[in-house]
């Protein structure tokens, strides 16, 4: 044993040299057969902790673009290690990623994000001599927007129905959807629609309409009616809408003008120039085919204006009771037309007296038999009193256009000089007012008389072919110039 120790001690240097030589020989052999190699690996880009963006009220706009991005990793390792790395890469254990849980992703807009990578932890062993880094790209652009939500009613779109029919849509299920997505995209959406195609074929003619059912996917639509195709819009898990609807007959019904009964308060009257108006004057109804075809004109009940005073009265009449008389399946196409508004104008009665100049009678030749040589009108004017609603008298009534005054003095042509009273006839040239004054009169003065001179009697028979010669002298005597 001592000999061995002595031999080992005396040959220590040789032993060390031999060990180093063997290690060197082994390394040389290993390096020659398993050299270091640098290989580029194309790996997918992972998006980590995207839910953290949602919790922060942010939305990743370009997620699809990022998910399709690939990253090149440069890995240096011994040849036999690369075999394991390739297996790990094919199993998704080698990849690049963006971690959204780190700070820097709270703003909106485009943000430059750095990339990181991962490889299995066992390659961290220095003995394996593995070195990895990102070749390209080292960063990428992340587009963020504010995450919003909007709740919209579901509107049903259908093809045009046959003439005189309508699709009466019952409540879609669900009837509203809460959508979420980036604010910029969500603002473009104004409504959610579901477009269904009714079955072709014969229209139901039974008393009770048949109910149809359809299912279609919801669509987001902008203000112009264009479908917004955006993969970033989430419909809250709603992939289809169930719609039930009826096919109904339609018809236009006329509404008759209501009768007016009763009398306004004393001193008031219906404005004769303001027509009683009612809106609408016709309505469109819907229902089963038989009941719609049997429906006729809707007659409004009379309106009682007893004791009403000065105002424009708007009276609302409900139409549904009248419509239901034709059938209980009937309804209005537009629910805004389930009533009629009747407008009645009641005004205060006003009286007014006008002065009618007699000169106008002469100018217009409205005095029959008047001779200005032998006659004179001594009455300068006479009164005419009328009664009507206040607005007409104040703004519309015209004395000369609405009333014609005439007199007849023919019988006074042979009267002896003097003054005589002549009645004036008043003629209305319109409606809506009354003449309430007593019959006016004017005074006519005869200024001259006709005197016939004596003439011998003629006994000769008259020639039927010839008129007798006038041999009387006519003398005009002005009584003012005689004493």
Protein backbone atom coordinates (compact mmCIF):
# COMPACT_ATOMS: atom_id res chain seq x y z
CA UNK A 1 0.00 0.00 0.00
CA UNK A 2 2.89 2.26 0.87
CA UNK A 3 4.49 1.43 -2.44
CA UNK A 4 1.33 2.46 -4.27
CA UNK A 5 1.15 5.76 -2.45
CA UNK A 6 4.79 6.45 -3.16
CA UNK A 7 4.31 5.60 -6.83
CA UNK A 8 1.21 7.82 -7.05
CA UNK A 9 2.97 10.71 -5.32
CA UNK A 10 6.05 10.41 -7.48
CA UNK A 11 3.93 10.33 -10.69
CA UNK A 12 1.35 13.05 -9.75
CA UNK A 13 2.46 15.35 -12.46
CA UNK A 14 2.10 12.65 -15.04
CA UNK A 15 -1.36 11.79 -13.79
CA UNK A 16 -2.55 15.40 -14.07
CA UNK A 17 -1.08 15.69 -17.50
CA UNK A 18 -2.81 12.51 -18.54
CA UNK A 19 -6.18 13.75 -17.17
CA UNK A 20 -5.94 17.02 -18.98
CA UNK A 21 -4.95 15.26 -22.10
CA UNK A 22 -7.95 12.95 -21.87
CA UNK A 23 -10.34 15.86 -21.23
CA UNK A 24 -8.88 17.72 -24.16
CA UNK A 25 -9.17 14.61 -26.29
CA UNK A 26 -12.80 14.17 -25.16
CA UNK A 27 -13.70 17.81 -25.85
CA UNK A 28 -12.03 17.66 -29.22
CA UNK A 29 -13.92 14.52 -30.06
CA UNK A 30 -17.22 16.03 -28.73
CA UNK A 31 -16.74 19.29 -30.57
CA UNK A 32 -15.92 17.52 -33.73
CA UNK A 33 -18.94 15.23 -33.59
CA UNK A 34 -21.38 17.70 -31.78
CA UNK A 35 -20.34 21.24 -32.71
CA UNK A 36 -22.10 24.47 -31.66
CA UNK A 37 -24.61 25.59 -34.25
CA UNK A 38 -26.67 28.81 -34.55
CA UNK A 39 -30.12 28.14 -35.99
CA UNK A 40 -33.00 30.57 -36.66
CA UNK A 41 -36.44 29.41 -35.48
CA UNK A 42 -39.70 31.01 -36.70
CA UNK A 43 -42.13 30.95 -33.80
CA UNK A 44 -45.63 32.41 -33.25
CA UNK A 45 -46.29 35.58 -31.27
CA UNK A 46 -48.34 34.96 -28.14
CA UNK A 47 -50.60 37.62 -26.62
CA UNK A 48 -50.44 37.17 -22.86
CA UNK A 49 -52.84 38.58 -20.28
CA UNK A 50 -55.15 40.23 -22.84
CA UNK A 51 -57.90 40.06 -20.22
CA UNK A 52 -55.90 42.63 -18.26
CA UNK A 53 -56.63 45.10 -21.08
CA UNK A 54 -60.36 44.45 -20.76
CA UNK A 55 -60.26 44.99 -17.00
CA UNK A 56 -58.52 48.30 -17.68
CA UNK A 57 -61.27 49.32 -20.13
CA UNK A 58 -59.12 48.93 -23.21
CA UNK A 59 -59.63 46.96 -26.41
CA UNK A 60 -56.90 45.46 -28.59
CA UNK A 61 -57.90 46.48 -32.09
CA UNK A 62 -55.26 44.61 -34.09
CA UNK A 63 -55.32 41.32 -32.18
CA UNK A 64 -55.88 39.26 -35.33
CA UNK A 65 -52.94 40.92 -37.02
CA UNK A 66 -50.70 40.33 -34.00
CA UNK A 67 -51.79 36.72 -33.64
CA UNK A 68 -50.72 36.08 -37.22
CA UNK A 69 -47.32 37.65 -36.61
CA UNK A 70 -44.26 35.39 -36.48
CA UNK A 71 -40.95 36.09 -34.78
CA UNK A 72 -37.49 34.80 -35.70
CA UNK A 73 -35.37 33.52 -32.77
CA UNK A 74 -31.63 32.98 -33.16
CA UNK A 75 -30.49 30.08 -30.91
CA UNK A 76 -26.94 28.86 -30.53
CA UNK A 77 -26.53 25.35 -29.07
CA UNK A 78 -24.72 22.07 -29.64
CA UNK A 79 -26.01 20.06 -32.50
CA UNK A 80 -27.59 17.36 -30.37
CA UNK A 81 -29.36 20.02 -28.22
CA UNK A 82 -30.92 21.57 -31.29
CA UNK A 83 -32.76 18.35 -31.83
CA UNK A 84 -34.50 18.82 -28.49
CA UNK A 85 -35.13 22.51 -29.20
CA UNK A 86 -36.82 21.67 -32.50
CA UNK A 87 -39.12 19.22 -30.73
CA UNK A 88 -39.99 21.80 -28.10
CA UNK A 89 -40.68 24.46 -30.75
CA UNK A 90 -43.06 22.16 -32.63
CA UNK A 91 -44.92 21.59 -29.35
CA UNK A 92 -45.25 25.31 -28.72
CA UNK A 93 -42.71 25.40 -25.90
CA UNK A 94 -40.55 27.89 -27.77
CA UNK A 95 -42.29 31.15 -28.67
CA UNK A 96 -42.25 34.95 -28.55
CA UNK A 97 -44.85 37.00 -26.65
CA UNK A 98 -46.24 40.36 -25.56
CA UNK A 99 -47.23 40.60 -21.92
CA UNK A 100 -50.17 43.02 -21.47
CA UNK A 101 -50.04 42.75 -17.68
CA UNK A 102 -47.08 45.10 -17.57
CA UNK A 103 -47.55 48.85 -17.45
CA UNK A 104 -47.67 50.93 -20.59
CA UNK A 105 -50.91 49.66 -22.06
CA UNK A 106 -53.36 52.07 -20.41
CA UNK A 107 -53.46 54.74 -23.10
CA UNK A 108 -55.28 54.58 -26.41
CA UNK A 109 -53.92 54.73 -29.91
CA UNK A 110 -50.81 53.02 -31.32
CA UNK A 111 -48.19 51.87 -28.82
CA UNK A 112 -44.77 50.40 -29.58
CA UNK A 113 -44.47 47.15 -27.60
CA UNK A 114 -41.25 45.23 -27.01
CA UNK A 115 -41.22 41.46 -27.64
CA UNK A 116 -39.92 38.78 -25.32
CA UNK A 117 -39.43 35.05 -25.83
CA UNK A 118 -39.49 31.83 -23.88
CA UNK A 119 -37.64 28.49 -24.06
CA UNK A 120 -37.86 25.58 -21.61
CA UNK A 121 -36.05 26.26 -18.34
CA UNK A 122 -33.72 23.24 -18.66
CA UNK A 123 -31.80 25.08 -21.37
CA UNK A 124 -30.63 27.53 -18.73
CA UNK A 125 -28.02 24.91 -17.63
CA UNK A 126 -24.60 26.34 -18.52
CA UNK A 127 -23.38 22.88 -19.40
CA UNK A 128 -25.74 22.80 -22.36
CA UNK A 129 -24.18 25.99 -23.73
CA UNK A 130 -27.48 27.37 -25.11
CA UNK A 131 -27.77 31.04 -26.05
CA UNK A 132 -31.02 32.49 -27.50
CA UNK A 133 -32.10 35.95 -28.68
CA UNK A 134 -34.73 37.63 -30.89
CA UNK A 135 -33.50 38.40 -34.36
CA UNK A 136 -36.61 40.17 -35.73
CA UNK A 137 -38.89 41.86 -35.10
CA UNK A 138 -37.79 43.08 -31.69
CA UNK A 139 -40.94 45.20 -31.27
CA UNK A 140 -44.34 45.70 -32.86
CA UNK A 141 -47.18 48.21 -32.88
CA UNK A 142 -50.16 47.57 -30.61
CA UNK A 143 -53.39 49.48 -31.43
CA UNK A 144 -55.63 50.15 -28.42
CA UNK A 145 -59.03 51.80 -28.10
CA UNK A 146 -61.42 52.43 -25.24
CA UNK A 147 -63.68 49.45 -24.64
CA UNK A 148 -67.38 50.47 -24.73
CA UNK A 149 -70.74 48.78 -24.70
CA UNK A 150 -74.08 49.76 -26.21
CA UNK A 151 -77.54 48.26 -25.86
CA UNK A 152 -79.74 48.43 -28.97
CA UNK A 153 -83.22 47.26 -29.86
CA UNK A 154 -83.46 44.53 -32.48
CA UNK A 155 -85.28 45.64 -35.64
CA UNK A 156 -86.71 43.07 -38.03
CA UNK A 157 -86.23 43.57 -41.77
CA UNK A 158 -88.39 41.62 -44.22
CA UNK A 159 -89.02 41.54 -47.95
CA UNK A 160 -91.91 43.60 -49.29
CA UNK A 161 -95.23 41.80 -48.71
CA UNK A 162 -97.82 41.26 -51.45
CA UNK A 163 -100.06 44.22 -52.31
CA UNK A 164 -102.57 45.14 -49.58
CA UNK A 165 -100.85 42.88 -47.05
CA UNK A 166 -98.40 43.55 -44.24
CA UNK A 167 -96.00 41.52 -42.14
CA UNK A 168 -96.97 42.11 -38.54
CA UNK A 169 -93.84 41.30 -36.53
CA UNK A 170 -94.29 40.09 -32.99
CA UNK A 171 -91.55 40.57 -30.41
CA UNK A 172 -88.17 39.18 -31.55
CA UNK A 173 -86.30 37.09 -29.00
CA UNK A 174 -84.11 38.59 -27.70
CA UNK A 175 -85.54 42.01 -28.51
CA UNK A 176 -82.36 43.88 -27.57
CA UNK A 177 -78.64 43.10 -27.59
CA UNK A 178 -75.75 44.61 -25.66
CA UNK A 179 -72.74 44.82 -27.95
CA UNK A 180 -69.18 45.58 -26.86
CA UNK A 181 -66.17 46.70 -28.82
CA UNK A 182 -63.77 49.56 -29.46
CA UNK A 183 -65.35 52.98 -29.07
CA UNK A 184 -64.41 54.11 -32.57
CA UNK A 185 -66.16 51.13 -34.16
CA UNK A 186 -69.12 51.09 -31.79
CA UNK A 187 -70.00 54.70 -32.63
CA UNK A 188 -70.64 53.70 -36.24
CA UNK A 189 -73.41 51.30 -35.25
CA UNK A 190 -76.92 52.80 -34.94
CA UNK A 191 -79.07 49.69 -34.76
CA UNK A 192 -79.16 45.92 -34.75
CA UNK A 193 -81.23 44.24 -37.44
CA UNK A 194 -82.27 40.73 -38.28
CA UNK A 195 -83.13 40.08 -41.93
CA UNK A 196 -85.60 37.28 -42.53
CA UNK A 197 -87.26 36.01 -45.69
CA UNK A 198 -90.95 35.08 -45.34
CA UNK A 199 -92.16 31.91 -47.04
CA UNK A 200 -93.57 32.21 -50.53
CA UNK A 201 -97.07 30.97 -51.17
CA UNK A 202 -100.73 31.64 -50.62
CA UNK A 203 -101.75 34.29 -48.11
CA UNK A 204 -103.79 33.05 -45.18
CA UNK A 205 -107.45 34.05 -45.54
CA UNK A 206 -108.80 32.69 -42.26
CA UNK A 207 -110.43 34.81 -39.57
CA UNK A 208 -107.45 34.18 -37.28
CA UNK A 209 -104.06 34.96 -38.91
CA UNK A 210 -101.47 32.20 -38.88
CA UNK A 211 -98.22 32.84 -37.00
CA UNK A 212 -94.89 32.15 -38.74
CA UNK A 213 -91.45 31.65 -37.19
CA UNK A 214 -87.96 32.42 -38.49
CA UNK A 215 -84.38 32.54 -37.19
CA UNK A 216 -81.51 34.68 -38.45
CA UNK A 217 -78.20 36.10 -37.25
CA UNK A 218 -78.09 39.67 -35.89
CA UNK A 219 -76.30 42.31 -37.94
CA UNK A 220 -74.88 45.68 -36.90
CA UNK A 221 -75.94 48.53 -39.20
CA UNK A 222 -74.74 52.12 -39.55
CA UNK A 223 -76.83 55.26 -40.08
CA UNK A 224 -76.94 54.68 -43.86
CA UNK A 225 -78.26 51.15 -43.50
CA UNK A 226 -74.94 49.51 -44.38
CA UNK A 227 -73.97 46.38 -42.50
CA UNK A 228 -70.90 46.95 -40.30
CA UNK A 229 -68.63 43.95 -40.80
CA UNK A 230 -66.21 44.12 -37.88
CA UNK A 231 -64.69 41.13 -36.13
CA UNK A 232 -63.99 43.27 -33.06
CA UNK A 233 -67.71 43.71 -32.29
CA UNK A 234 -68.99 41.25 -29.71
CA UNK A 235 -72.74 40.51 -29.73
CA UNK A 236 -72.69 39.25 -26.17
CA UNK A 237 -72.86 35.63 -27.21
CA UNK A 238 -76.06 36.11 -29.25
CA UNK A 239 -75.63 34.29 -32.53
CA UNK A 240 -79.26 34.12 -33.68
CA UNK A 241 -82.59 35.93 -33.22
CA UNK A 242 -85.95 34.16 -33.18
CA UNK A 243 -88.75 36.11 -34.89
CA UNK A 244 -92.48 35.39 -34.97
CA UNK A 245 -94.83 37.29 -37.27
CA UNK A 246 -98.28 37.29 -38.86
CA UNK A 247 -99.34 38.04 -42.42
CA UNK A 248 -102.21 40.53 -42.27
CA UNK A 249 -104.55 42.17 -44.77
CA UNK A 250 -104.54 46.00 -44.93
CA UNK A 251 -107.07 48.57 -46.05
CA UNK A 252 -107.60 52.35 -46.08
CA UNK A 253 -110.76 53.51 -44.30
CA UNK A 254 -112.24 56.98 -44.72
CA UNK A 255 -113.38 58.93 -41.66
CA UNK A 256 -116.53 61.03 -41.98
CA UNK A 257 -116.72 64.60 -40.70
CA UNK A 258 -118.49 64.67 -37.34
CA UNK A 259 -121.83 66.45 -37.03
CA UNK A 260 -122.04 69.48 -34.72
CA UNK A 261 -124.88 69.63 -32.24
CA UNK A 262 -125.72 72.16 -29.59
CA UNK A 263 -125.27 75.91 -29.50
CA UNK A 264 -122.37 77.99 -28.18
CA UNK A 265 -122.87 80.35 -25.26
CA UNK A 266 -124.77 83.58 -25.85
CA UNK A 267 -122.71 86.06 -27.81
CA UNK A 268 -120.57 83.35 -29.44
CA UNK A 269 -120.78 81.41 -32.68
CA UNK A 270 -118.88 78.94 -34.85
CA UNK A 271 -116.57 80.80 -37.17
CA UNK A 272 -118.31 80.28 -40.53
CA UNK A 273 -115.07 80.92 -42.39
CA UNK A 274 -112.98 78.46 -40.37
CA UNK A 275 -113.76 74.98 -41.59
CA UNK A 276 -114.17 72.24 -39.04
CA UNK A 277 -111.04 70.19 -39.60
CA UNK A 278 -110.12 66.73 -38.40
CA UNK A 279 -106.96 64.72 -38.77
CA UNK A 280 -106.41 62.15 -40.00
CA UNK A 281 -109.18 61.98 -42.59
CA UNK A 282 -108.35 58.36 -43.32
CA UNK A 283 -106.60 55.52 -41.55
CA UNK A 284 -104.94 52.28 -42.58
CA UNK A 285 -106.04 49.17 -40.72
CA UNK A 286 -104.74 45.60 -40.57
CA UNK A 287 -106.20 42.27 -39.55
CA UNK A 288 -107.55 39.02 -40.88
CA UNK A 289 -108.55 39.13 -44.53
CA UNK A 290 -112.27 38.62 -44.02
CA UNK A 291 -112.69 41.17 -41.25
CA UNK A 292 -110.65 43.82 -43.08
CA UNK A 293 -112.69 43.44 -46.24
CA UNK A 294 -115.92 43.84 -44.25
CA UNK A 295 -114.77 47.07 -42.59
CA UNK A 296 -116.36 50.26 -43.93
CA UNK A 297 -116.26 54.00 -43.40
CA UNK A 298 -115.70 55.08 -39.81
CA UNK A 299 -118.44 57.45 -38.68
CA UNK A 300 -117.53 59.80 -35.87
CA UNK A 301 -120.00 60.56 -33.13
CA UNK A 302 -121.56 64.10 -33.16
CA UNK A 303 -119.70 66.78 -31.23
CA UNK A 304 -121.73 68.83 -28.75
CA UNK A 305 -120.68 72.49 -28.55
CA UNK A 306 -123.40 73.51 -26.14
CA UNK A 307 -122.28 76.50 -24.02
CA UNK A 308 -118.77 76.75 -25.52
CA UNK A 309 -117.09 80.16 -25.54
CA UNK A 310 -114.33 82.00 -27.37
CA UNK A 311 -111.55 79.53 -28.20
CA UNK A 312 -110.18 77.11 -30.75
CA UNK A 313 -111.31 73.78 -29.38
CA UNK A 314 -109.37 70.60 -30.22
CA UNK A 315 -111.44 67.53 -29.42
CA UNK A 316 -109.86 64.08 -29.41
CA UNK A 317 -112.00 61.13 -30.45
CA UNK A 318 -110.68 57.60 -29.89
CA UNK A 319 -111.11 55.42 -32.98
CA UNK A 320 -110.47 51.99 -31.53
CA UNK A 321 -114.04 51.47 -30.25
CA UNK A 322 -115.36 52.28 -33.72
CA UNK A 323 -112.83 49.97 -35.37
CA UNK A 324 -113.59 47.06 -33.07
CA UNK A 325 -117.20 47.12 -34.27
CA UNK A 326 -115.97 45.52 -37.51
CA UNK A 327 -113.97 42.73 -35.83
CA UNK A 328 -111.74 42.01 -32.85
CA UNK A 329 -108.71 41.10 -35.00
CA UNK A 330 -108.51 44.59 -36.48
CA UNK A 331 -105.87 47.09 -35.47
CA UNK A 332 -104.15 50.19 -36.81
CA UNK A 333 -101.07 49.89 -39.00
CA UNK A 334 -99.70 52.94 -37.18
CA UNK A 335 -100.59 53.24 -33.52
CA UNK A 336 -100.30 57.02 -33.86
CA UNK A 337 -103.54 56.96 -35.87
CA UNK A 338 -105.73 55.46 -33.17
CA UNK A 339 -107.49 58.78 -32.59
CA UNK A 340 -108.86 61.78 -34.49
CA UNK A 341 -108.36 65.39 -33.48
CA UNK A 342 -111.23 67.69 -34.47
CA UNK A 343 -110.59 71.45 -34.49
CA UNK A 344 -113.54 73.79 -33.92
CA UNK A 345 -113.18 77.59 -33.94
CA UNK A 346 -115.71 79.37 -31.72
CA UNK A 347 -115.54 83.18 -31.61
CA UNK A 348 -117.21 86.11 -29.99
CA UNK A 349 -119.98 87.75 -32.07
CA UNK A 350 -119.31 91.39 -32.93
CA UNK A 351 -121.62 94.07 -34.34
CA UNK A 352 -120.46 97.06 -36.33
CA UNK A 353 -122.18 99.98 -38.09
CA UNK A 354 -120.86 101.40 -41.36
CA UNK A 355 -121.68 104.67 -43.17
CA UNK A 356 -122.72 104.07 -46.78
CA UNK A 357 -122.42 107.29 -48.85
CA UNK A 358 -125.37 107.95 -51.19
CA UNK A 359 -122.97 109.39 -53.73
CA UNK A 360 -121.78 105.85 -54.35
CA UNK A 361 -125.33 104.87 -55.29
CA UNK A 362 -125.35 107.54 -57.95
CA UNK A 363 -121.84 106.68 -59.21
CA UNK A 364 -122.73 103.02 -59.56
CA UNK A 365 -126.14 103.74 -61.14
CA UNK A 366 -127.71 101.86 -58.27
CA UNK A 367 -130.73 104.29 -58.10
CA UNK A 368 -133.21 103.11 -60.69
CA UNK A 369 -135.07 105.99 -62.45
CA UNK A 370 -132.83 108.67 -61.04
CA UNK A 371 -132.69 111.88 -63.17
CA UNK A 372 -130.02 114.27 -61.95
CA UNK A 373 -131.73 117.16 -63.76
CA UNK A 374 -135.02 116.87 -61.98
CA UNK A 375 -133.96 115.07 -58.84
CA UNK A 376 -131.51 115.48 -56.00
CA UNK A 377 -130.50 113.19 -53.09
CA UNK A 378 -130.44 115.17 -49.89
CA UNK A 379 -129.29 112.31 -47.60
CA UNK A 380 -125.47 112.25 -47.57
CA UNK A 381 -125.25 108.68 -46.18
CA UNK A 382 -127.15 105.99 -44.37
CA UNK A 383 -126.21 103.38 -41.77
CA UNK A 384 -125.71 99.66 -42.31
CA UNK A 385 -125.13 97.46 -39.26
CA UNK A 386 -123.82 93.91 -39.59
CA UNK A 387 -123.13 91.06 -37.19
CA UNK A 388 -120.48 88.33 -37.52
CA UNK A 389 -117.59 86.73 -35.67
CA UNK A 390 -114.99 89.18 -34.45
CA UNK A 391 -112.10 88.07 -36.67
CA UNK A 392 -114.16 88.46 -39.83
CA UNK A 393 -115.38 91.96 -39.01
CA UNK A 394 -111.92 93.09 -37.87
CA UNK A 395 -109.90 91.73 -40.75
CA UNK A 396 -111.98 90.50 -43.68
CA UNK A 397 -115.32 92.27 -44.09
CA UNK A 398 -115.51 94.89 -46.86
CA UNK A 399 -118.64 97.05 -47.02
CA UNK A 400 -118.64 97.66 -50.77
CA UNK A 401 -117.54 94.12 -51.70
CA UNK A 402 -119.97 92.34 -49.40
CA UNK A 403 -123.09 94.54 -49.61
CA UNK A 404 -124.85 96.12 -52.58
CA UNK A 405 -127.30 98.92 -51.88
CA UNK A 406 -130.00 99.90 -54.42
CA UNK A 407 -133.03 102.23 -54.57
CA UNK A 408 -135.86 102.73 -57.05
CA UNK A 409 -137.23 106.27 -57.59
CA UNK A 410 -139.09 105.57 -60.82
CA UNK A 411 -142.48 106.21 -59.26
CA UNK A 412 -141.38 109.69 -58.14
CA UNK A 413 -140.76 110.94 -61.65
CA UNK A 414 -144.29 112.37 -61.90
CA UNK A 415 -144.46 113.63 -58.36
CA UNK A 416 -144.80 117.31 -57.70
CA UNK A 417 -141.78 119.12 -56.31
CA UNK A 418 -140.93 118.26 -52.78
CA UNK A 419 -138.99 115.81 -50.62
CA UNK A 420 -139.85 112.14 -50.44
CA UNK A 421 -138.51 109.15 -48.47
CA UNK A 422 -137.21 106.25 -50.52
CA UNK A 423 -136.35 102.82 -49.02
CA UNK A 424 -132.92 101.33 -49.77
CA UNK A 425 -132.69 97.64 -50.55
CA UNK A 426 -129.62 95.82 -49.20
CA UNK A 427 -128.30 92.70 -50.89
CA UNK A 428 -125.66 90.45 -49.30
CA UNK A 429 -122.92 89.30 -51.63
CA UNK A 430 -121.52 86.64 -49.31
CA UNK A 431 -122.16 84.39 -46.34
CA UNK A 432 -121.06 84.34 -42.75
CA UNK A 433 -122.53 87.65 -41.63
CA UNK A 434 -125.95 89.15 -41.01
CA UNK A 435 -127.45 92.61 -41.69
CA UNK A 436 -129.04 93.56 -38.40
CA UNK A 437 -129.95 97.20 -39.07
CA UNK A 438 -133.46 98.25 -40.04
CA UNK A 439 -134.04 98.98 -43.70
CA UNK A 440 -132.27 102.27 -44.40
CA UNK A 441 -133.89 105.14 -46.34
CA UNK A 442 -132.76 108.14 -48.30
CA UNK A 443 -134.52 111.42 -49.05
CA UNK A 444 -135.09 112.45 -52.67
CA UNK A 445 -136.14 115.94 -53.67
CA UNK A 446 -138.09 116.59 -56.91
CA UNK A 447 -136.68 119.76 -58.41
CA UNK A 448 -139.00 120.29 -61.42
CA UNK A 449 -142.36 119.33 -62.95
CA UNK A 450 -143.63 118.68 -66.48
CA UNK A 451 -146.47 121.03 -67.76
CA UNK A 452 -148.44 120.18 -70.92
CA UNK A 453 -149.91 123.14 -73.03
CA UNK A 454 -153.51 123.12 -74.46
CA UNK A 455 -153.85 121.80 -77.99
CA UNK A 456 -156.88 121.50 -80.34
CA UNK A 457 -158.45 118.12 -80.53
CA UNK A 458 -157.84 116.22 -83.69
CA UNK A 459 -160.77 114.38 -85.07
CA UNK A 460 -158.95 112.88 -88.00
CA UNK A 461 -158.37 109.22 -87.59
CA UNK A 462 -154.77 108.18 -86.96
CA UNK A 463 -152.86 106.55 -89.70
CA UNK A 464 -151.81 103.16 -88.44
CA UNK A 465 -148.70 103.37 -90.53
CA UNK A 466 -147.61 106.73 -89.14
CA UNK A 467 -147.16 107.90 -85.61
CA UNK A 468 -149.11 111.12 -84.73
CA UNK A 469 -146.91 114.16 -84.68
CA UNK A 470 -146.06 115.50 -81.29
CA UNK A 471 -147.45 118.98 -81.19
CA UNK A 472 -147.25 119.53 -77.44
CA UNK A 473 -144.71 121.89 -76.06
CA UNK A 474 -142.90 120.69 -72.91
CA UNK A 475 -141.82 123.44 -70.56
CA UNK A 476 -139.29 122.69 -67.78
CA UNK A 477 -140.01 124.88 -64.79
CA UNK A 478 -137.50 125.12 -62.02
CA UNK A 479 -139.51 125.76 -58.90
CA UNK A 480 -136.59 127.56 -57.31
CA UNK A 481 -136.77 130.26 -60.02
CA UNK A 482 -140.56 130.77 -59.90
CA UNK A 483 -142.43 133.07 -57.55
